[in-house]
């Protein structure tokens, strides 16, 4: 039984949820902040499911990975 939920999607990297979250956080951090503050930024990709553009999946070809 395969316990991982992953695959390839055809989407521009700029449309990925984590990229949008990172861009938002970068924009917020570039604002003029006058007092101490806390910003919690959560990312989805460390967790399943892993549906990614081909460029992510082809970065490290399986036949070149040694476990």
N, C-alpha and C. Protein backbone atom coordinates (compact mmCIF):
# COMPACT_ATOMS: atom_id res chain seq x y z
N UNK A 1 0.83 -1.18 0.00
CA UNK A 1 0.00 0.00 0.00
C UNK A 1 0.88 1.25 0.00
N UNK A 2 0.59 2.21 -0.87
CA UNK A 2 1.32 3.47 -0.94
C UNK A 2 0.73 4.43 0.10
N UNK A 3 1.55 4.88 1.02
CA UNK A 3 1.05 5.75 2.09
C UNK A 3 1.27 7.23 1.81
N UNK A 4 1.88 7.53 0.66
CA UNK A 4 2.15 8.92 0.32
C UNK A 4 1.21 9.38 -0.77
N UNK A 5 0.70 10.59 -0.63
CA UNK A 5 -0.18 11.21 -1.61
C UNK A 5 0.61 12.32 -2.29
N UNK A 6 1.06 12.06 -3.52
CA UNK A 6 1.88 13.03 -4.21
C UNK A 6 1.71 12.89 -5.71
N UNK A 7 2.13 13.91 -6.44
CA UNK A 7 2.07 13.85 -7.88
C UNK A 7 2.44 15.19 -8.50
N UNK A 8 2.43 15.18 -9.82
CA UNK A 8 2.80 16.36 -10.58
C UNK A 8 1.56 17.16 -10.97
N UNK A 9 1.69 18.49 -10.90
CA UNK A 9 0.61 19.37 -11.35
C UNK A 9 1.18 20.36 -12.37
N UNK A 10 0.33 20.83 -13.24
CA UNK A 10 0.73 21.82 -14.24
C UNK A 10 0.25 23.20 -13.77
N UNK A 11 1.12 23.87 -13.05
CA UNK A 11 0.79 25.20 -12.54
C UNK A 11 2.08 26.01 -12.45
N UNK A 12 1.96 27.30 -12.69
CA UNK A 12 3.11 28.18 -12.55
C UNK A 12 3.49 28.25 -11.08
N UNK A 13 4.78 28.27 -10.79
CA UNK A 13 5.25 28.28 -9.40
C UNK A 13 4.64 29.44 -8.60
N UNK A 14 4.40 30.58 -9.24
CA UNK A 14 3.84 31.74 -8.55
C UNK A 14 2.43 31.49 -8.04
N UNK A 15 1.77 30.45 -8.53
CA UNK A 15 0.41 30.13 -8.10
C UNK A 15 0.38 29.15 -6.92
N UNK A 16 1.53 28.63 -6.51
CA UNK A 16 1.58 27.70 -5.38
C UNK A 16 1.25 28.43 -4.09
N UNK A 17 0.50 27.78 -3.23
CA UNK A 17 0.08 28.38 -1.96
C UNK A 17 1.26 28.86 -1.14
N UNK A 18 2.30 28.05 -1.02
CA UNK A 18 3.44 28.45 -0.20
C UNK A 18 4.17 29.65 -0.78
N UNK A 19 4.22 29.77 -2.09
CA UNK A 19 4.86 30.93 -2.72
C UNK A 19 4.04 32.18 -2.42
N UNK A 20 2.72 32.07 -2.50
CA UNK A 20 1.87 33.21 -2.18
C UNK A 20 2.02 33.63 -0.71
N UNK A 21 2.11 32.65 0.18
CA UNK A 21 2.30 32.94 1.61
C UNK A 21 3.64 33.64 1.83
N UNK A 22 4.70 33.13 1.21
CA UNK A 22 6.02 33.73 1.37
C UNK A 22 6.04 35.15 0.82
N UNK A 23 5.42 35.36 -0.34
CA UNK A 23 5.37 36.70 -0.92
C UNK A 23 4.62 37.67 -0.01
N UNK A 24 3.53 37.19 0.59
CA UNK A 24 2.77 38.02 1.52
C UNK A 24 3.66 38.41 2.71
N UNK A 25 4.36 37.42 3.29
CA UNK A 25 5.20 37.68 4.46
C UNK A 25 6.33 38.65 4.11
N UNK A 26 6.93 38.49 2.94
CA UNK A 26 7.99 39.41 2.51
C UNK A 26 7.45 40.82 2.39
N UNK A 27 6.26 40.96 1.81
CA UNK A 27 5.65 42.27 1.67
C UNK A 27 5.36 42.89 3.05
N UNK A 28 4.83 42.10 3.97
CA UNK A 28 4.53 42.61 5.31
C UNK A 28 5.80 43.05 6.03
N UNK A 29 6.88 42.27 5.86
CA UNK A 29 8.14 42.60 6.53
C UNK A 29 8.79 43.84 5.93
N UNK A 30 8.44 44.19 4.72
CA UNK A 30 9.02 45.38 4.08
C UNK A 30 8.32 46.67 4.52
N UNK A 31 7.24 46.54 5.28
CA UNK A 31 6.51 47.72 5.77
C UNK A 31 7.30 48.38 6.89
N UNK A 32 7.02 49.64 7.12
CA UNK A 32 7.66 50.38 8.21
C UNK A 32 7.00 49.97 9.53
N UNK A 33 7.67 49.15 10.28
CA UNK A 33 7.13 48.64 11.55
C UNK A 33 7.84 49.37 12.69
N UNK A 34 7.04 50.03 13.53
CA UNK A 34 7.63 50.89 14.56
C UNK A 34 7.79 50.22 15.92
N UNK A 35 7.13 49.10 16.15
CA UNK A 35 7.25 48.44 17.46
C UNK A 35 7.59 46.97 17.25
N UNK A 36 8.02 46.31 18.32
CA UNK A 36 8.24 44.88 18.21
C UNK A 36 6.94 44.17 17.81
N UNK A 37 7.05 43.12 17.08
CA UNK A 37 5.87 42.39 16.63
C UNK A 37 6.23 40.91 16.44
N UNK A 38 5.21 40.12 16.32
CA UNK A 38 5.37 38.69 16.04
C UNK A 38 4.63 38.37 14.75
N UNK A 39 5.25 37.60 13.89
CA UNK A 39 4.59 37.13 12.67
C UNK A 39 4.81 35.63 12.59
N UNK A 40 3.71 34.89 12.63
CA UNK A 40 3.78 33.45 12.43
C UNK A 40 3.38 33.13 11.00
N UNK A 41 4.27 32.50 10.27
CA UNK A 41 4.01 32.18 8.87
C UNK A 41 4.09 30.66 8.71
N UNK A 42 2.97 30.05 8.32
CA UNK A 42 2.94 28.60 8.17
C UNK A 42 2.98 28.20 6.71
N UNK A 43 3.73 27.15 6.44
CA UNK A 43 3.83 26.63 5.08
C UNK A 43 3.24 25.24 5.00
N UNK A 44 2.68 24.92 3.84
CA UNK A 44 1.97 23.67 3.64
C UNK A 44 2.85 22.55 3.09
N UNK A 45 3.82 22.87 2.22
CA UNK A 45 4.56 21.83 1.50
C UNK A 45 5.35 20.84 2.36
N UNK A 46 5.74 21.15 3.57
CA UNK A 46 6.40 20.10 4.33
C UNK A 46 5.46 18.94 4.65
N UNK A 47 4.17 19.12 4.44
CA UNK A 47 3.17 18.13 4.81
C UNK A 47 2.48 17.55 3.58
N UNK A 48 1.96 16.36 3.72
CA UNK A 48 1.19 15.74 2.63
C UNK A 48 -0.12 16.47 2.42
N UNK A 49 -0.68 16.47 1.25
CA UNK A 49 -0.21 15.86 0.01
C UNK A 49 0.83 16.73 -0.68
N UNK A 50 1.70 16.08 -1.45
CA UNK A 50 2.75 16.78 -2.17
C UNK A 50 2.42 16.80 -3.66
N UNK A 51 1.66 17.77 -4.09
CA UNK A 51 1.38 17.97 -5.51
C UNK A 51 2.20 19.18 -5.94
N UNK A 52 3.18 18.92 -6.81
CA UNK A 52 4.17 19.93 -7.16
C UNK A 52 4.36 20.03 -8.66
N UNK A 53 4.88 21.18 -9.12
CA UNK A 53 5.23 21.30 -10.54
C UNK A 53 6.37 20.34 -10.89
N UNK A 54 6.46 19.99 -12.15
CA UNK A 54 7.49 19.05 -12.61
C UNK A 54 8.89 19.50 -12.24
N UNK A 55 9.14 20.81 -12.23
CA UNK A 55 10.49 21.30 -11.91
C UNK A 55 10.94 20.86 -10.52
N UNK A 56 10.02 20.75 -9.58
CA UNK A 56 10.36 20.27 -8.24
C UNK A 56 10.65 18.77 -8.25
N UNK A 57 9.82 18.02 -8.96
CA UNK A 57 9.96 16.57 -8.96
C UNK A 57 11.15 16.10 -9.79
N UNK A 58 11.56 16.88 -10.78
CA UNK A 58 12.66 16.49 -11.65
C UNK A 58 14.00 17.03 -11.19
N UNK A 59 14.00 17.79 -10.11
CA UNK A 59 15.24 18.39 -9.59
C UNK A 59 16.26 17.32 -9.19
N UNK A 60 15.77 16.26 -8.61
CA UNK A 60 16.63 15.16 -8.16
C UNK A 60 16.09 13.86 -8.74
N UNK A 61 16.59 13.46 -9.93
CA UNK A 61 16.08 12.23 -10.57
C UNK A 61 16.24 11.02 -9.65
N UNK A 62 15.20 10.21 -9.59
CA UNK A 62 15.20 9.05 -8.68
C UNK A 62 16.36 8.11 -8.92
N UNK A 63 16.79 7.96 -10.17
CA UNK A 63 17.89 7.03 -10.46
C UNK A 63 19.24 7.58 -9.99
N UNK A 64 19.30 8.82 -9.53
CA UNK A 64 20.54 9.41 -9.02
C UNK A 64 20.54 9.58 -7.50
N UNK A 65 19.51 9.06 -6.84
CA UNK A 65 19.41 9.17 -5.39
C UNK A 65 19.84 7.85 -4.75
N UNK A 66 20.75 7.94 -3.80
CA UNK A 66 21.18 6.76 -3.08
C UNK A 66 20.64 6.86 -1.66
N UNK A 67 19.91 5.82 -1.25
CA UNK A 67 19.38 5.80 0.11
C UNK A 67 20.33 5.09 1.04
